[in-house]
């Protein structure tokens, strides 16, 4: 069905003001029919289903539930695309409900003719044949980003399966290291843009000037050092997906330019006058509270509403402890040498892992799995976690009481003089754990300090400093000594 022969049914009460939107509709190459409500729309579809190619459902003007209308259309015509139109700031729950009920796309007012035409073209040409059975994202038992069966990950998976193929912007929120980029890449892989490029830009890693040139590109002579034209990421990502990581750290001035790209799908290079048109999907991610930033004046409210059409929240690792073991096994297999066995996760290690709160989330767990591969001794890692838990409890003193990880108060603290032996024991345990980790990494790399630093995920100079501080200055004479024995020799 071509665009010029497509009939679009608009479900909207005529009692609402239309103005600019109706004028936009008249410029489009489609035939439009209007239904006052869901009852009239369903009746028309039953009478002549083949005459309607797309449904536009305005959920802000219909008197009945838009979700119920979508479901009724799905039951009657499973393959008929439904584009939802909503006010500028819909509740996230409204968007999720619409998408999971079978909506093909979700647009927020104001909607221009170009944006509306692109949306209709997408659902006509790029949607799955069966709208009612949108592809669900599975949670594999081993491998893949969605590991585990926790309630939080199940909920995220259910939403992701319905919104991945839609074109609406998505805002991913979650703590640092929780896996926001993994979610973004999965969204791209499940979308109609999967065969096109995926680009990522960390807005917090570069100064505002560099972020601007990376996104929009520049013309020759635009500034000192611009010797030739350079295309930006927006231009390179045409047809694909771009992830704006840590969007909460983007400069306010750049936020205005980004809003223009989202609204008009066009921009100008720095120092240029030529307008560049692009067709891309924007996914934004942040660990910050954007609504709080809006109140502080560091984030534009209109940009937030443009990005937050669909909001995905990635649960922190401490809220999915039932997934720890399965996720650890996946990470062990990821970093293990091909064909080599991975260390077992003993009951002792499992218990310690569940007690730790994992502030670095999956990123921290991945480094933990790499250390387990180095030691090949679950007991050493279990002791390390217990030492961390003890230190955290001591560091959380308030009002002369120890606060446990669960938040309950422990036994009142003793005077400093009586507490010193405990602090000394913690310090020795920390020193021993660091020594064992460094010696194990050095042994695995035949005392190549740079490679050992890479294994330990620390800076090379930091490794040299720690070796000097711990007294590790030369290779032990007995190469087959265990990490514990080597630790004793080094100290």
Protein backbone atom coordinates (compact mmCIF):
# COMPACT_ATOMS: atom_id res chain seq x y z
CA UNK A 1 0.00 0.00 0.00
CA UNK A 2 1.57 3.28 -1.01
CA UNK A 3 1.45 6.43 1.08
CA UNK A 4 -0.76 8.22 -1.47
CA UNK A 5 -3.53 5.57 -1.22
CA UNK A 6 -3.38 5.05 2.53
CA UNK A 7 -6.42 5.97 4.59
CA UNK A 8 -5.67 7.08 8.12
CA UNK A 9 -8.36 6.89 10.80
CA UNK A 10 -8.05 9.59 13.46
CA UNK A 11 -9.82 8.79 16.73
CA UNK A 12 -10.39 12.11 18.46
CA UNK A 13 -13.24 14.11 19.93
CA UNK A 14 -14.02 17.15 17.77
CA UNK A 15 -14.89 19.09 20.92
CA UNK A 16 -11.20 19.60 21.49
CA UNK A 17 -9.31 22.46 19.74
CA UNK A 18 -7.55 21.26 16.60
CA UNK A 19 -5.95 24.27 14.86
CA UNK A 20 -2.30 23.64 13.98
CA UNK A 21 -2.64 19.87 14.01
CA UNK A 22 -5.49 19.85 11.49
CA UNK A 23 -3.55 22.18 9.22
CA UNK A 24 -0.61 19.75 9.45
CA UNK A 25 -2.87 16.85 8.47
CA UNK A 26 -4.03 18.63 5.32
CA UNK A 27 -0.44 18.86 4.04
CA UNK A 28 0.13 15.10 4.20
CA UNK A 29 -0.38 12.72 1.24
CA UNK A 30 -2.97 10.59 3.05
CA UNK A 31 -6.72 10.30 3.18
CA UNK A 32 -8.13 10.95 6.67
CA UNK A 33 -11.29 9.76 8.39
CA UNK A 34 -12.31 10.86 11.89
CA UNK A 35 -14.02 8.78 14.56
CA UNK A 36 -15.45 10.46 17.65
CA UNK A 37 -14.59 7.59 19.99
CA UNK A 38 -13.59 3.94 20.18
CA UNK A 39 -17.12 2.67 19.59
CA UNK A 40 -17.41 4.51 16.28
CA UNK A 41 -13.90 3.45 15.25
CA UNK A 42 -14.56 -0.24 15.94
CA UNK A 43 -17.86 -0.07 14.07
CA UNK A 44 -16.16 1.41 11.01
CA UNK A 45 -13.38 -1.18 11.11
CA UNK A 46 -15.92 -4.00 11.28
CA UNK A 47 -17.83 -2.57 8.32
CA UNK A 48 -14.82 -1.95 6.07
CA UNK A 49 -11.51 -3.15 7.62
CA UNK A 50 -9.56 -3.03 4.36
CA UNK A 51 -10.20 0.69 3.89
CA UNK A 52 -8.05 1.75 6.87
CA UNK A 53 -4.25 1.48 6.75
CA UNK A 54 -3.23 3.27 9.96
CA UNK A 55 -5.01 4.42 13.12
CA UNK A 56 -4.08 7.65 14.93
CA UNK A 57 -5.41 7.53 18.50
CA UNK A 58 -5.44 10.79 20.47
CA UNK A 59 -5.53 9.62 24.09
CA UNK A 60 -5.84 13.18 25.42
CA UNK A 61 -9.20 13.84 23.75
CA UNK A 62 -11.00 10.49 23.81
CA UNK A 63 -13.52 10.08 26.60
CA UNK A 64 -12.76 6.41 27.15
CA UNK A 65 -9.57 4.59 28.00
CA UNK A 66 -7.09 4.69 25.13
CA UNK A 67 -5.64 1.37 26.30
CA UNK A 68 -9.01 -0.33 25.91
CA UNK A 69 -9.38 1.09 22.40
CA UNK A 70 -5.94 -0.27 21.42
CA UNK A 71 -6.83 -3.71 22.75
CA UNK A 72 -10.15 -3.78 20.91
CA UNK A 73 -8.42 -2.80 17.65
CA UNK A 74 -5.81 -5.51 18.24
CA UNK A 75 -8.49 -8.16 18.72
CA UNK A 76 -10.31 -7.07 15.59
CA UNK A 77 -7.31 -6.26 13.33
CA UNK A 78 -4.01 -7.65 14.74
CA UNK A 79 -1.96 -6.27 11.84
CA UNK A 80 -3.38 -2.73 11.81
CA UNK A 81 -0.79 -0.18 13.05
CA UNK A 82 -1.91 2.17 15.85
CA UNK A 83 0.02 5.38 16.54
CA UNK A 84 -0.80 7.01 19.87
CA UNK A 85 -0.86 10.81 20.18
CA UNK A 86 -0.57 12.35 23.62
CA UNK A 87 -0.03 15.55 25.53
CA UNK A 88 3.48 16.94 25.93
CA UNK A 89 4.11 15.35 29.34
CA UNK A 90 2.38 11.98 29.62
CA UNK A 91 2.97 9.80 32.65
CA UNK A 92 5.57 7.05 31.97
CA UNK A 93 2.97 4.45 33.00
CA UNK A 94 0.68 5.69 30.21
CA UNK A 95 3.37 5.16 27.60
CA UNK A 96 4.36 1.73 28.87
CA UNK A 97 0.71 0.61 29.00
CA UNK A 98 0.11 1.82 25.45
CA UNK A 99 3.19 0.08 24.03
CA UNK A 100 2.60 -3.18 25.88
CA UNK A 101 -1.04 -3.18 24.75
CA UNK A 102 0.03 -3.14 21.12
CA UNK A 103 0.61 0.49 20.07
CA UNK A 104 2.99 0.79 17.12
CA UNK A 105 4.43 4.19 18.06
CA UNK A 106 3.91 6.98 20.58
CA UNK A 107 4.11 10.66 19.64
CA UNK A 108 3.84 13.71 21.87
CA UNK A 109 2.34 17.07 20.88
CA UNK A 110 3.32 19.30 19.22
CA UNK A 111 3.57 17.00 16.20
CA UNK A 112 4.65 18.54 12.90
CA UNK A 113 3.69 17.22 9.46
CA UNK A 114 7.18 15.84 8.74
CA UNK A 115 7.33 13.93 12.01
CA UNK A 116 3.83 12.54 11.50
CA UNK A 117 4.56 11.48 7.92
CA UNK A 118 7.74 9.70 9.01
CA UNK A 119 5.87 7.90 11.79
CA UNK A 120 3.16 6.70 9.41
CA UNK A 121 5.77 5.61 6.87
CA UNK A 122 7.65 3.63 9.52
CA UNK A 123 4.65 1.66 10.73
CA UNK A 124 3.57 0.91 7.18
CA UNK A 125 6.97 -0.29 5.98
CA UNK A 126 8.94 -1.44 8.98
CA UNK A 127 6.62 -3.06 11.51
CA UNK A 128 6.40 -6.75 12.28
CA UNK A 129 3.55 -8.38 10.43
CA UNK A 130 1.80 -9.41 13.62
CA UNK A 131 1.31 -6.38 15.85
CA UNK A 132 -0.34 -8.40 18.56
CA UNK A 133 2.69 -10.64 18.90
CA UNK A 134 5.53 -8.18 19.14
CA UNK A 135 8.85 -9.94 19.71
CA UNK A 136 9.51 -10.48 23.40
CA UNK A 137 13.03 -10.29 24.76
CA UNK A 138 13.95 -13.57 26.38
CA UNK A 139 16.02 -13.96 29.50
CA UNK A 140 18.46 -16.75 28.62
CA UNK A 141 19.69 -19.09 31.33
CA UNK A 142 23.26 -18.56 30.21
CA UNK A 143 24.76 -15.85 28.05
CA UNK A 144 23.31 -12.58 26.87
CA UNK A 145 22.70 -9.34 28.73
CA UNK A 146 19.44 -10.34 30.43
CA UNK A 147 20.65 -12.87 32.92
CA UNK A 148 18.59 -13.98 35.88
CA UNK A 149 14.98 -14.32 36.85
CA UNK A 150 14.54 -11.47 39.33
CA UNK A 151 11.28 -9.53 39.28
CA UNK A 152 13.05 -6.32 38.21
CA UNK A 153 14.69 -7.90 35.19
CA UNK A 154 11.50 -9.69 34.19
CA UNK A 155 9.59 -6.42 34.24
CA UNK A 156 12.31 -4.69 32.21
CA UNK A 157 12.37 -7.52 29.69
CA UNK A 158 8.60 -7.40 29.20
CA UNK A 159 8.67 -3.67 28.47
CA UNK A 160 11.74 -3.92 26.26
CA UNK A 161 10.19 -6.53 24.05
CA UNK A 162 7.38 -4.16 23.12
CA UNK A 163 9.24 -0.88 22.69
CA UNK A 164 12.41 -2.04 20.90
CA UNK A 165 10.87 -1.93 17.42
CA UNK A 166 9.05 1.37 17.99
CA UNK A 167 10.66 4.64 16.93
CA UNK A 168 9.93 6.65 20.06
CA UNK A 169 12.90 8.14 21.96
CA UNK A 170 13.82 6.21 25.09
CA UNK A 171 15.37 7.38 28.36
CA UNK A 172 17.26 4.71 30.31
CA UNK A 173 17.91 5.46 33.97
CA UNK A 174 19.96 3.48 36.44
CA UNK A 175 22.99 3.58 38.67
CA UNK A 176 26.51 3.63 37.26
CA UNK A 177 27.58 0.17 36.12
CA UNK A 178 24.05 -1.28 36.12
CA UNK A 179 24.03 -2.05 32.38
CA UNK A 180 22.35 0.91 30.67
CA UNK A 181 24.51 0.61 27.55
CA UNK A 182 23.70 -3.09 27.29
CA UNK A 183 19.99 -2.22 27.31
CA UNK A 184 20.52 0.42 24.62
CA UNK A 185 22.38 -2.02 22.37
CA UNK A 186 19.64 -4.60 22.84
CA UNK A 187 17.04 -2.01 21.84
CA UNK A 188 19.02 -1.34 18.65
CA UNK A 189 19.49 -5.05 17.91
CA UNK A 190 15.73 -5.69 18.18
CA UNK A 191 14.73 -2.65 16.11
CA UNK A 192 14.22 -2.21 12.37
CA UNK A 193 17.53 -0.31 12.42
CA UNK A 194 19.50 -3.37 13.56
CA UNK A 195 21.43 -3.59 10.26
CA UNK A 196 22.47 0.06 10.52
CA UNK A 197 25.14 1.57 12.76
CA UNK A 198 24.99 2.05 16.53
CA UNK A 199 26.90 5.05 17.88
CA UNK A 200 27.60 6.02 21.47
CA UNK A 201 28.76 9.34 22.91
CA UNK A 202 29.51 9.81 26.61
CA UNK A 203 28.43 13.38 27.33
CA UNK A 204 30.33 13.42 30.64
CA UNK A 205 33.67 12.32 29.20
CA UNK A 206 34.30 15.35 26.97
CA UNK A 207 34.17 19.15 27.37
CA UNK A 208 31.02 20.80 26.00
CA UNK A 209 32.86 22.16 22.93
CA UNK A 210 34.10 18.71 21.94
CA UNK A 211 30.69 17.13 22.53
CA UNK A 212 29.17 19.69 20.17
CA UNK A 213 31.72 19.06 17.40
CA UNK A 214 31.43 15.28 17.86
CA UNK A 215 27.64 15.39 17.54
CA UNK A 216 27.14 17.99 14.82
CA UNK A 217 30.48 18.02 12.99
CA UNK A 218 32.01 21.22 11.61
CA UNK A 219 32.93 23.02 8.42
CA UNK A 220 36.44 23.91 7.34
CA UNK A 221 37.58 27.09 9.10
CA UNK A 222 34.83 26.96 11.73
CA UNK A 223 37.47 27.36 14.45
CA UNK A 224 41.22 27.17 14.91
CA UNK A 225 42.40 23.73 13.82
CA UNK A 226 39.37 22.97 11.62
CA UNK A 227 41.38 22.38 8.45
CA UNK A 228 38.67 20.38 6.70
CA UNK A 229 35.01 19.45 7.02
CA UNK A 230 34.21 16.78 9.59
CA UNK A 231 30.94 14.87 9.79
CA UNK A 232 29.44 14.46 13.25
CA UNK A 233 27.89 11.40 14.89
CA UNK A 234 24.36 12.52 14.01
CA UNK A 235 25.29 12.52 10.33
CA UNK A 236 27.18 9.22 10.52
CA UNK A 237 24.32 7.55 12.42
CA UNK A 238 21.75 8.37 9.72
CA UNK A 239 19.40 5.41 9.52
CA UNK A 240 20.75 3.91 12.74
CA UNK A 241 20.74 4.55 16.49
CA UNK A 242 22.70 6.89 18.72
CA UNK A 243 23.14 6.49 22.46
CA UNK A 244 23.73 9.71 24.38
CA UNK A 245 25.23 8.33 27.55
CA UNK A 246 25.14 10.45 30.72
CA UNK A 247 22.76 12.92 29.09
CA UNK A 248 22.34 14.59 32.49
CA UNK A 249 25.87 15.99 32.15
CA UNK A 250 25.23 17.66 28.79
CA UNK A 251 25.72 21.45 28.69
CA UNK A 252 22.41 23.38 28.73
CA UNK A 253 23.32 25.21 25.50
CA UNK A 254 23.81 21.92 23.70
CA UNK A 255 20.51 20.65 25.08
CA UNK A 256 18.73 23.32 23.00
CA UNK A 257 20.45 22.12 19.80
CA UNK A 258 19.67 18.49 20.62
CA UNK A 259 16.00 19.38 21.10
CA UNK A 260 15.96 20.86 17.60
CA UNK A 261 17.35 17.62 16.14
CA UNK A 262 14.70 15.58 17.94
CA UNK A 263 11.90 17.84 16.73
CA UNK A 264 12.96 18.57 13.16
CA UNK A 265 15.43 15.74 12.39
CA UNK A 266 17.81 18.31 10.93
CA UNK A 267 20.74 20.46 12.02
CA UNK A 268 23.65 22.52 10.77
CA UNK A 269 27.33 21.72 11.21
CA UNK A 270 29.36 24.13 13.32
CA UNK A 271 30.29 27.08 11.13
CA UNK A 272 28.03 25.92 8.31
CA UNK A 273 24.79 27.09 6.71
CA UNK A 274 23.79 23.86 4.97
CA UNK A 275 20.92 22.01 6.64
CA UNK A 276 21.60 18.31 7.14
CA UNK A 277 18.55 16.03 7.42
CA UNK A 278 18.86 12.76 9.32
CA UNK A 279 16.68 9.79 10.17
CA UNK A 280 17.88 8.24 13.41
CA UNK A 281 16.69 6.97 16.75
CA UNK A 282 17.97 8.66 19.89
CA UNK A 283 18.39 6.73 23.14
CA UNK A 284 19.52 8.65 26.21
CA UNK A 285 20.94 7.21 29.42
CA UNK A 286 21.78 8.74 32.77
CA UNK A 287 22.42 7.89 36.41
CA UNK A 288 21.17 11.30 37.52
CA UNK A 289 17.72 12.39 38.74
CA UNK A 290 16.65 14.48 35.73
CA UNK A 291 13.55 15.88 37.41
CA UNK A 292 15.75 17.19 40.21
CA UNK A 293 18.06 18.73 37.62
CA UNK A 294 15.07 20.46 36.01
CA UNK A 295 14.23 22.06 39.34
CA UNK A 296 17.85 23.18 39.68
CA UNK A 297 17.82 24.65 36.18
CA UNK A 298 20.59 22.41 34.80
CA UNK A 299 18.37 20.40 32.44
CA UNK A 300 15.75 21.64 29.99
CA UNK A 301 12.22 20.53 30.80
CA UNK A 302 11.15 20.45 27.13
CA UNK A 303 14.09 18.19 26.23
CA UNK A 304 13.21 15.87 29.09
CA UNK A 305 9.68 15.43 27.74
CA UNK A 306 11.04 14.75 24.25
CA UNK A 307 13.47 12.10 25.49
CA UNK A 308 11.20 10.55 28.11
CA UNK A 309 8.59 9.09 25.79
CA UNK A 310 9.51 5.67 27.15
CA UNK A 311 11.38 5.40 30.43
CA UNK A 312 13.31 2.24 31.27
CA UNK A 313 14.76 1.88 34.76
CA UNK A 314 17.57 -0.66 35.20
CA UNK A 315 17.49 -2.15 38.72
CA UNK A 316 20.74 -2.03 40.73
CA UNK A 317 22.47 -5.32 41.45
CA UNK A 318 21.61 -5.18 45.17
CA UNK A 319 17.93 -5.45 44.21
CA UNK A 320 18.47 -8.60 42.17
CA UNK A 321 20.62 -10.73 44.48
CA UNK A 322 18.89 -13.86 43.23
CA UNK A 323 20.65 -13.27 39.89
CA UNK A 324 24.16 -12.98 41.37
CA UNK A 325 25.29 -16.57 40.89
CA UNK A 326 23.99 -16.96 37.34
CA UNK A 327 25.41 -13.60 36.31
CA UNK A 328 28.78 -14.44 37.88
CA UNK A 329 28.96 -17.73 35.98
CA UNK A 330 28.29 -15.85 32.74
CA UNK A 331 31.08 -13.35 33.51
CA UNK A 332 33.49 -16.13 34.46
CA UNK A 333 32.86 -17.86 31.14
CA UNK A 334 33.25 -14.53 29.35
CA UNK A 335 36.77 -13.92 30.72
CA UNK A 336 38.05 -17.49 31.11
CA UNK A 337 40.56 -18.91 28.66
CA UNK A 338 38.87 -21.06 25.99
CA UNK A 339 38.50 -24.62 27.17
CA UNK A 340 39.55 -23.91 30.76
CA UNK A 341 37.34 -24.75 33.75
CA UNK A 342 35.91 -21.95 35.87
CA UNK A 343 36.17 -21.89 39.69
CA UNK A 344 33.08 -23.10 41.56
CA UNK A 345 30.84 -20.70 43.48
CA UNK A 346 30.80 -22.33 46.90
CA UNK A 347 28.14 -21.88 49.55
CA UNK A 348 30.58 -19.71 51.53
CA UNK A 349 31.22 -17.43 48.54
CA UNK A 350 27.54 -17.32 47.62
CA UNK A 351 26.62 -16.21 51.13
CA UNK A 352 29.27 -13.45 51.14
CA UNK A 353 28.17 -12.24 47.70
CA UNK A 354 24.57 -11.92 48.86
CA UNK A 355 25.63 -9.90 51.91
CA UNK A 356 27.66 -7.35 49.91
CA UNK A 357 25.69 -4.39 48.46
CA UNK A 358 27.69 -4.10 45.16
CA UNK A 359 27.89 -0.29 44.83
CA UNK A 360 29.57 -0.66 41.42
CA UNK A 361 26.79 -2.98 40.21
CA UNK A 362 27.52 -5.33 37.29
CA UNK A 363 30.77 -3.53 36.49
CA UNK A 364 32.05 -4.31 39.98
CA UNK A 365 30.83 -7.89 39.73
CA UNK A 366 32.72 -8.32 36.46
CA UNK A 367 35.99 -7.24 38.10
CA UNK A 368 35.20 -9.57 40.99
CA UNK A 369 34.75 -12.47 38.55
CA UNK A 370 38.10 -11.68 36.94
CA UNK A 371 39.81 -11.82 40.35
CA UNK A 372 38.14 -15.16 41.02
CA UNK A 373 39.67 -16.48 37.81
CA UNK A 374 43.10 -15.25 38.95
CA UNK A 375 42.93 -16.76 42.45
CA UNK A 376 40.98 -19.91 41.55
CA UNK A 377 40.15 -19.98 45.26
CA UNK A 378 36.57 -19.04 46.27
CA UNK A 379 37.57 -18.93 49.97
CA UNK A 380 40.00 -16.04 49.34
CA UNK A 381 37.30 -14.01 47.57
CA UNK A 382 34.73 -14.82 50.25
CA UNK A 383 37.13 -13.50 52.90
CA UNK A 384 37.71 -10.36 50.82
CA UNK A 385 33.97 -9.66 50.68
CA UNK A 386 33.56 -10.25 54.42
CA UNK A 387 36.37 -7.76 55.05
CA UNK A 388 34.58 -5.21 52.87
CA UNK A 389 31.35 -5.75 54.75
CA UNK A 390 33.11 -5.26 58.10
CA UNK A 391 34.76 -2.06 56.91
CA UNK A 392 31.45 -0.74 55.59
CA UNK A 393 29.75 -1.40 58.90
CA UNK A 394 32.49 0.46 60.74
CA UNK A 395 32.35 3.35 58.30
CA UNK A 396 28.61 3.72 58.81
CA UNK A 397 28.81 4.78 62.48
CA UNK A 398 26.17 7.26 63.53
CA UNK A 399 25.44 8.39 67.07
CA UNK A 400 27.80 5.88 68.69
CA UNK A 401 26.13 2.93 66.95
CA UNK A 402 27.12 0.64 64.12
CA UNK A 403 24.68 0.59 61.20
CA UNK A 404 24.42 -2.77 59.47
CA UNK A 405 23.92 -3.09 55.65
CA UNK A 406 20.22 -3.69 56.37
CA UNK A 407 20.01 -0.39 58.25
CA UNK A 408 19.47 -1.76 61.79
CA UNK A 409 21.58 -0.55 64.68
CA UNK A 410 24.15 -2.95 66.13
CA UNK A 411 25.80 -3.07 69.57
CA UNK A 412 26.88 0.37 70.88
CA UNK A 413 30.49 1.17 70.06
CA UNK A 414 33.31 0.96 72.60
CA UNK A 415 35.83 3.70 73.44
CA UNK A 416 38.50 4.30 70.79
CA UNK A 417 41.24 2.60 72.84
CA UNK A 418 39.24 -0.64 72.99
CA UNK A 419 38.34 -0.38 69.31
CA UNK A 420 41.91 -0.14 67.99
CA UNK A 421 42.63 -3.90 67.84
CA UNK A 422 39.60 -4.33 65.55
CA UNK A 423 40.74 -1.55 63.23
CA UNK A 424 44.25 -3.03 63.16
CA UNK A 425 42.84 -6.43 62.18
CA UNK A 426 40.82 -4.87 59.36
CA UNK A 427 43.91 -3.02 58.12
CA UNK A 428 45.97 -6.22 58.12
CA UNK A 429 43.24 -8.11 56.28
CA UNK A 430 43.05 -5.36 53.66
CA UNK A 431 46.84 -5.37 53.24
CA UNK A 432 46.87 -9.14 52.90
CA UNK A 433 44.07 -9.13 50.30
CA UNK A 434 45.83 -6.47 48.20
CA UNK A 435 49.14 -8.31 48.40
CA UNK A 436 47.59 -11.60 47.32
CA UNK A 437 45.75 -10.00 44.41
CA UNK A 438 48.87 -8.22 43.13
CA UNK A 439 51.09 -11.29 43.47
CA UNK A 440 48.53 -13.46 41.72
CA UNK A 441 48.32 -11.00 38.81
CA UNK A 442 52.12 -10.74 38.61
CA UNK A 443 52.44 -14.50 38.62
CA UNK A 444 49.85 -14.88 35.87
CA UNK A 445 51.74 -12.39 33.68
CA UNK A 446 55.27 -13.64 34.50
CA UNK A 447 55.90 -10.39 36.40
CA UNK A 448 54.98 -8.13 33.52
CA UNK A 449 53.81 -5.15 35.57
CA UNK A 450 51.89 -3.44 32.79
CA UNK A 451 49.90 -6.58 31.97
CA UNK A 452 49.32 -7.17 35.67
CA UNK A 453 47.91 -3.66 36.03
CA UNK A 454 45.52 -4.40 33.16
CA UNK A 455 44.40 -7.64 34.83
CA UNK A 456 43.77 -5.80 38.10
CA UNK A 457 41.99 -2.97 36.26
CA UNK A 458 44.17 -0.28 37.87
CA UNK A 459 46.57 2.33 36.52
CA UNK A 460 50.18 1.19 35.93
CA UNK A 461 51.61 3.89 38.21
CA UNK A 462 49.07 2.99 40.89
CA UNK A 463 50.27 -0.62 40.74
CA UNK A 464 53.91 0.45 41.17
CA UNK A 465 52.92 2.61 44.15
CA UNK A 466 51.00 -0.24 45.80
CA UNK A 467 53.88 -2.68 45.19
CA UNK A 468 56.31 -0.28 46.87
CA UNK A 469 53.93 0.31 49.77
CA UNK A 470 53.39 -3.44 50.28
CA UNK A 471 57.05 -4.31 49.89
CA UNK A 472 56.62 -6.30 46.67
CA UNK A 473 59.83 -5.36 44.90
CA UNK A 474 61.12 -8.54 43.29
CA UNK A 475 59.92 -11.86 41.91
CA UNK A 476 59.79 -14.67 44.54
CA UNK A 477 62.36 -17.41 44.06
CA UNK A 478 59.78 -20.16 44.34
CA UNK A 479 57.51 -19.76 41.35
CA UNK A 480 55.09 -22.44 42.41
CA UNK A 481 54.31 -20.87 45.76
CA UNK A 482 50.62 -20.20 46.47
CA UNK A 483 49.35 -16.62 46.69
CA UNK A 484 49.10 -16.92 50.48
CA UNK A 485 52.73 -18.05 50.82
CA UNK A 486 53.91 -15.36 48.44
CA UNK A 487 51.98 -12.82 50.47
CA UNK A 488 53.73 -13.86 53.66
CA UNK A 489 57.14 -13.61 51.97
CA UNK A 490 56.41 -10.21 50.49
CA UNK A 491 55.31 -8.72 53.80
